[in-house]
Amino acid sequence: MSGYFVNCTEMFIMKVKGKAKIPDYIQIRDENKVLIAYFRADRPLKNLEKYGLNGKEVELQAVINGLPFGKIQPLVL
C-alpha cells in the first residue's frame, strides 16, 4: 500500500479548523482528491515515508504553518 502513495504524481493539502476542544487537522489528498493522510496540525509529523515525504519534515511543517484554513491546494515542497 505504501507504494501507492509514493507513486502519486500530485498531492493536495488542506488545513481543517478545529472547534472548541477539537484541534486543527491536516488532510493530504492524492491527484484524485482521495484522502490519503489525516493528522493533527500541532503534532510532530510521523511515518512520512508512507506518503513519499520522508526527509521533507521541515518543508512540510513550513507549508502547514502558512496554510489558510479550508482551502485545498497543491502540495509543493
N, C-alpha and C. Protein backbone atom coordinates (compact mmCIF):
# COMPACT_ATOMS: atom_id res chain seq x y z
N MET A 1 0.81 -1.19 0.00
CA MET A 1 0.00 0.00 0.00
C MET A 1 0.86 1.26 0.00
N SER A 2 2.00 1.24 0.64
CA SER A 2 2.82 2.45 0.70
C SER A 2 3.33 2.84 -0.68
N GLY A 3 3.50 1.90 -1.58
CA GLY A 3 3.93 2.23 -2.93
C GLY A 3 2.93 3.12 -3.64
N TYR A 4 1.67 2.98 -3.31
CA TYR A 4 0.62 3.81 -3.90
C TYR A 4 0.90 5.28 -3.64
N PHE A 5 1.24 5.61 -2.39
CA PHE A 5 1.46 6.99 -2.03
C PHE A 5 2.70 7.55 -2.72
N VAL A 6 3.75 6.77 -2.77
CA VAL A 6 4.99 7.22 -3.39
C VAL A 6 4.78 7.48 -4.87
N ASN A 7 3.89 6.73 -5.51
CA ASN A 7 3.67 6.86 -6.94
C ASN A 7 2.67 7.96 -7.32
N CYS A 8 2.13 8.68 -6.34
CA CYS A 8 1.23 9.78 -6.66
C CYS A 8 2.01 10.84 -7.42
N THR A 9 1.45 11.31 -8.52
CA THR A 9 2.12 12.33 -9.30
C THR A 9 1.87 13.71 -8.71
N GLU A 10 0.76 13.88 -8.04
CA GLU A 10 0.42 15.18 -7.47
C GLU A 10 -0.34 14.93 -6.17
N MET A 11 -0.04 15.75 -5.16
CA MET A 11 -0.77 15.66 -3.90
C MET A 11 -1.30 17.04 -3.55
N PHE A 12 -2.36 17.04 -2.77
CA PHE A 12 -3.00 18.27 -2.33
C PHE A 12 -3.03 18.29 -0.81
N ILE A 13 -3.08 19.49 -0.24
CA ILE A 13 -3.08 19.63 1.20
C ILE A 13 -4.14 20.66 1.60
N MET A 14 -4.74 20.45 2.78
CA MET A 14 -5.75 21.37 3.29
C MET A 14 -5.68 21.36 4.81
N LYS A 15 -5.84 22.53 5.42
CA LYS A 15 -5.90 22.65 6.88
C LYS A 15 -7.36 22.81 7.27
N VAL A 16 -7.81 21.98 8.22
CA VAL A 16 -9.19 21.99 8.69
C VAL A 16 -9.21 22.60 10.09
N LYS A 17 -10.01 23.64 10.29
CA LYS A 17 -10.09 24.33 11.56
C LYS A 17 -10.88 23.51 12.57
N GLY A 18 -10.28 23.30 13.73
CA GLY A 18 -10.96 22.61 14.81
C GLY A 18 -11.88 23.58 15.55
N LYS A 19 -12.78 23.02 16.34
CA LYS A 19 -13.70 23.84 17.14
C LYS A 19 -13.64 23.38 18.58
N ALA A 20 -13.70 24.33 19.49
CA ALA A 20 -13.68 24.07 20.93
C ALA A 20 -12.48 23.20 21.28
N LYS A 21 -12.71 21.98 21.73
CA LYS A 21 -11.61 21.10 22.15
C LYS A 21 -11.06 20.25 21.01
N ILE A 22 -11.63 20.38 19.82
CA ILE A 22 -11.16 19.60 18.67
C ILE A 22 -10.02 20.39 18.01
N PRO A 23 -8.85 19.78 17.85
CA PRO A 23 -7.71 20.50 17.28
C PRO A 23 -7.83 20.68 15.76
N ASP A 24 -6.95 21.52 15.23
CA ASP A 24 -6.85 21.68 13.78
C ASP A 24 -6.23 20.42 13.19
N TYR A 25 -6.67 20.04 12.00
CA TYR A 25 -6.15 18.85 11.32
C TYR A 25 -5.65 19.22 9.94
N ILE A 26 -4.76 18.37 9.43
CA ILE A 26 -4.24 18.50 8.07
C ILE A 26 -4.72 17.30 7.27
N GLN A 27 -5.17 17.55 6.06
CA GLN A 27 -5.54 16.48 5.13
C GLN A 27 -4.56 16.52 3.96
N ILE A 28 -4.07 15.36 3.58
CA ILE A 28 -3.29 15.23 2.35
C ILE A 28 -4.07 14.32 1.44
N ARG A 29 -4.26 14.76 0.20
CA ARG A 29 -5.06 14.02 -0.77
C ARG A 29 -4.24 13.75 -2.02
N ASP A 30 -4.60 12.67 -2.72
CA ASP A 30 -3.87 12.31 -3.94
C ASP A 30 -4.40 13.11 -5.13
N GLU A 31 -3.91 12.78 -6.33
CA GLU A 31 -4.28 13.53 -7.53
C GLU A 31 -5.76 13.45 -7.85
N ASN A 32 -6.46 12.45 -7.30
CA ASN A 32 -7.91 12.33 -7.49
C ASN A 32 -8.68 12.92 -6.33
N LYS A 33 -7.99 13.62 -5.45
CA LYS A 33 -8.54 14.26 -4.25
C LYS A 33 -9.04 13.24 -3.23
N VAL A 34 -8.53 12.01 -3.29
CA VAL A 34 -8.87 10.97 -2.31
C VAL A 34 -7.98 11.17 -1.09
N LEU A 35 -8.57 11.15 0.08
CA LEU A 35 -7.84 11.35 1.33
C LEU A 35 -6.84 10.22 1.55
N ILE A 36 -5.55 10.59 1.72
CA ILE A 36 -4.52 9.58 1.96
C ILE A 36 -3.84 9.76 3.31
N ALA A 37 -3.97 10.95 3.91
CA ALA A 37 -3.38 11.19 5.23
C ALA A 37 -4.20 12.23 5.96
N TYR A 38 -4.32 12.05 7.28
CA TYR A 38 -5.11 12.94 8.12
C TYR A 38 -4.42 12.96 9.46
N PHE A 39 -3.92 14.12 9.88
CA PHE A 39 -3.20 14.19 11.15
C PHE A 39 -3.36 15.56 11.77
N ARG A 40 -3.11 15.63 13.09
CA ARG A 40 -3.21 16.88 13.81
C ARG A 40 -2.13 17.85 13.36
N ALA A 41 -2.50 19.10 13.23
CA ALA A 41 -1.56 20.12 12.77
C ALA A 41 -0.51 20.43 13.83
N ASP A 42 -0.82 20.18 15.10
CA ASP A 42 0.09 20.55 16.18
C ASP A 42 0.98 19.41 16.66
N ARG A 43 0.88 18.26 16.05
CA ARG A 43 1.68 17.11 16.47
C ARG A 43 2.87 16.93 15.54
N PRO A 44 3.95 16.37 16.09
CA PRO A 44 5.09 16.07 15.21
C PRO A 44 4.67 15.13 14.08
N LEU A 45 5.24 15.33 12.93
CA LEU A 45 4.90 14.53 11.77
C LEU A 45 5.61 13.19 11.86
N LYS A 46 4.86 12.11 11.71
CA LYS A 46 5.41 10.76 11.81
C LYS A 46 5.06 9.97 10.57
N ASN A 47 5.83 8.93 10.32
CA ASN A 47 5.54 7.99 9.23
C ASN A 47 5.40 8.65 7.86
N LEU A 48 6.20 9.66 7.62
CA LEU A 48 6.09 10.36 6.33
C LEU A 48 6.54 9.51 5.16
N GLU A 49 7.33 8.47 5.43
CA GLU A 49 7.76 7.60 4.33
C GLU A 49 6.57 6.90 3.69
N LYS A 50 5.48 6.69 4.45
CA LYS A 50 4.28 6.08 3.89
C LYS A 50 3.71 6.93 2.76
N TYR A 51 3.95 8.23 2.82
CA TYR A 51 3.37 9.15 1.85
C TYR A 51 4.39 9.66 0.84
N GLY A 52 5.61 9.11 0.89
CA GLY A 52 6.65 9.54 -0.02
C GLY A 52 7.23 10.91 0.35
N LEU A 53 7.11 11.29 1.63
CA LEU A 53 7.55 12.61 2.07
C LEU A 53 8.68 12.54 3.09
N ASN A 54 9.31 11.38 3.26
CA ASN A 54 10.39 11.29 4.24
C ASN A 54 11.54 12.21 3.85
N GLY A 55 12.14 12.82 4.86
CA GLY A 55 13.21 13.77 4.63
C GLY A 55 12.72 15.18 4.32
N LYS A 56 11.41 15.38 4.30
CA LYS A 56 10.84 16.69 3.96
C LYS A 56 10.02 17.26 5.12
N GLU A 57 10.35 16.84 6.34
CA GLU A 57 9.58 17.25 7.51
C GLU A 57 9.60 18.77 7.70
N VAL A 58 10.77 19.38 7.55
CA VAL A 58 10.89 20.83 7.76
C VAL A 58 10.09 21.59 6.71
N GLU A 59 10.21 21.18 5.46
CA GLU A 59 9.47 21.85 4.39
C GLU A 59 7.97 21.69 4.56
N LEU A 60 7.54 20.48 4.95
CA LEU A 60 6.11 20.23 5.15
C LEU A 60 5.58 21.05 6.31
N GLN A 61 6.32 21.15 7.39
CA GLN A 61 5.88 21.95 8.53
C GLN A 61 5.76 23.42 8.14
N ALA A 62 6.68 23.91 7.32
CA ALA A 62 6.60 25.30 6.86
C ALA A 62 5.34 25.52 6.02
N VAL A 63 5.01 24.56 5.16
CA VAL A 63 3.78 24.65 4.35
C VAL A 63 2.56 24.67 5.27
N ILE A 64 2.54 23.76 6.24
CA ILE A 64 1.40 23.66 7.17
C ILE A 64 1.22 24.97 7.92
N ASN A 65 2.30 25.56 8.39
CA ASN A 65 2.21 26.81 9.15
C ASN A 65 1.64 27.95 8.31
N GLY A 66 1.87 27.94 7.02
CA GLY A 66 1.39 29.01 6.15
C GLY A 66 0.05 28.76 5.48
N LEU A 67 -0.55 27.59 5.74
CA LEU A 67 -1.81 27.24 5.06
C LEU A 67 -2.99 28.04 5.61
N PRO A 68 -3.86 28.52 4.72
CA PRO A 68 -5.13 29.08 5.18
C PRO A 68 -6.08 27.91 5.50
N PHE A 69 -7.03 28.14 6.34
CA PHE A 69 -8.00 27.10 6.68
C PHE A 69 -9.00 26.90 5.55
N GLY A 70 -9.33 25.63 5.29
CA GLY A 70 -10.41 25.28 4.38
C GLY A 70 -10.14 25.44 2.89
N LYS A 71 -8.89 25.70 2.51
CA LYS A 71 -8.59 25.87 1.09
C LYS A 71 -7.66 24.76 0.64
N ILE A 72 -8.14 23.89 -0.24
CA ILE A 72 -7.30 22.82 -0.76
C ILE A 72 -6.37 23.39 -1.81
N GLN A 73 -5.11 22.99 -1.75
CA GLN A 73 -4.14 23.49 -2.71
C GLN A 73 -3.10 22.42 -2.99
N PRO A 74 -2.42 22.53 -4.11
CA PRO A 74 -1.38 21.55 -4.43
C PRO A 74 -0.28 21.58 -3.36
N LEU A 75 0.22 20.41 -3.01
CA LEU A 75 1.32 20.30 -2.06
C LEU A 75 2.62 20.41 -2.84
N VAL A 76 3.30 21.53 -2.63
CA VAL A 76 4.56 21.79 -3.31
C VAL A 76 5.64 21.94 -2.26
N LEU A 77 6.62 21.04 -2.30
CA LEU A 77 7.72 21.08 -1.32
C LEU A 77 9.02 21.38 -2.01
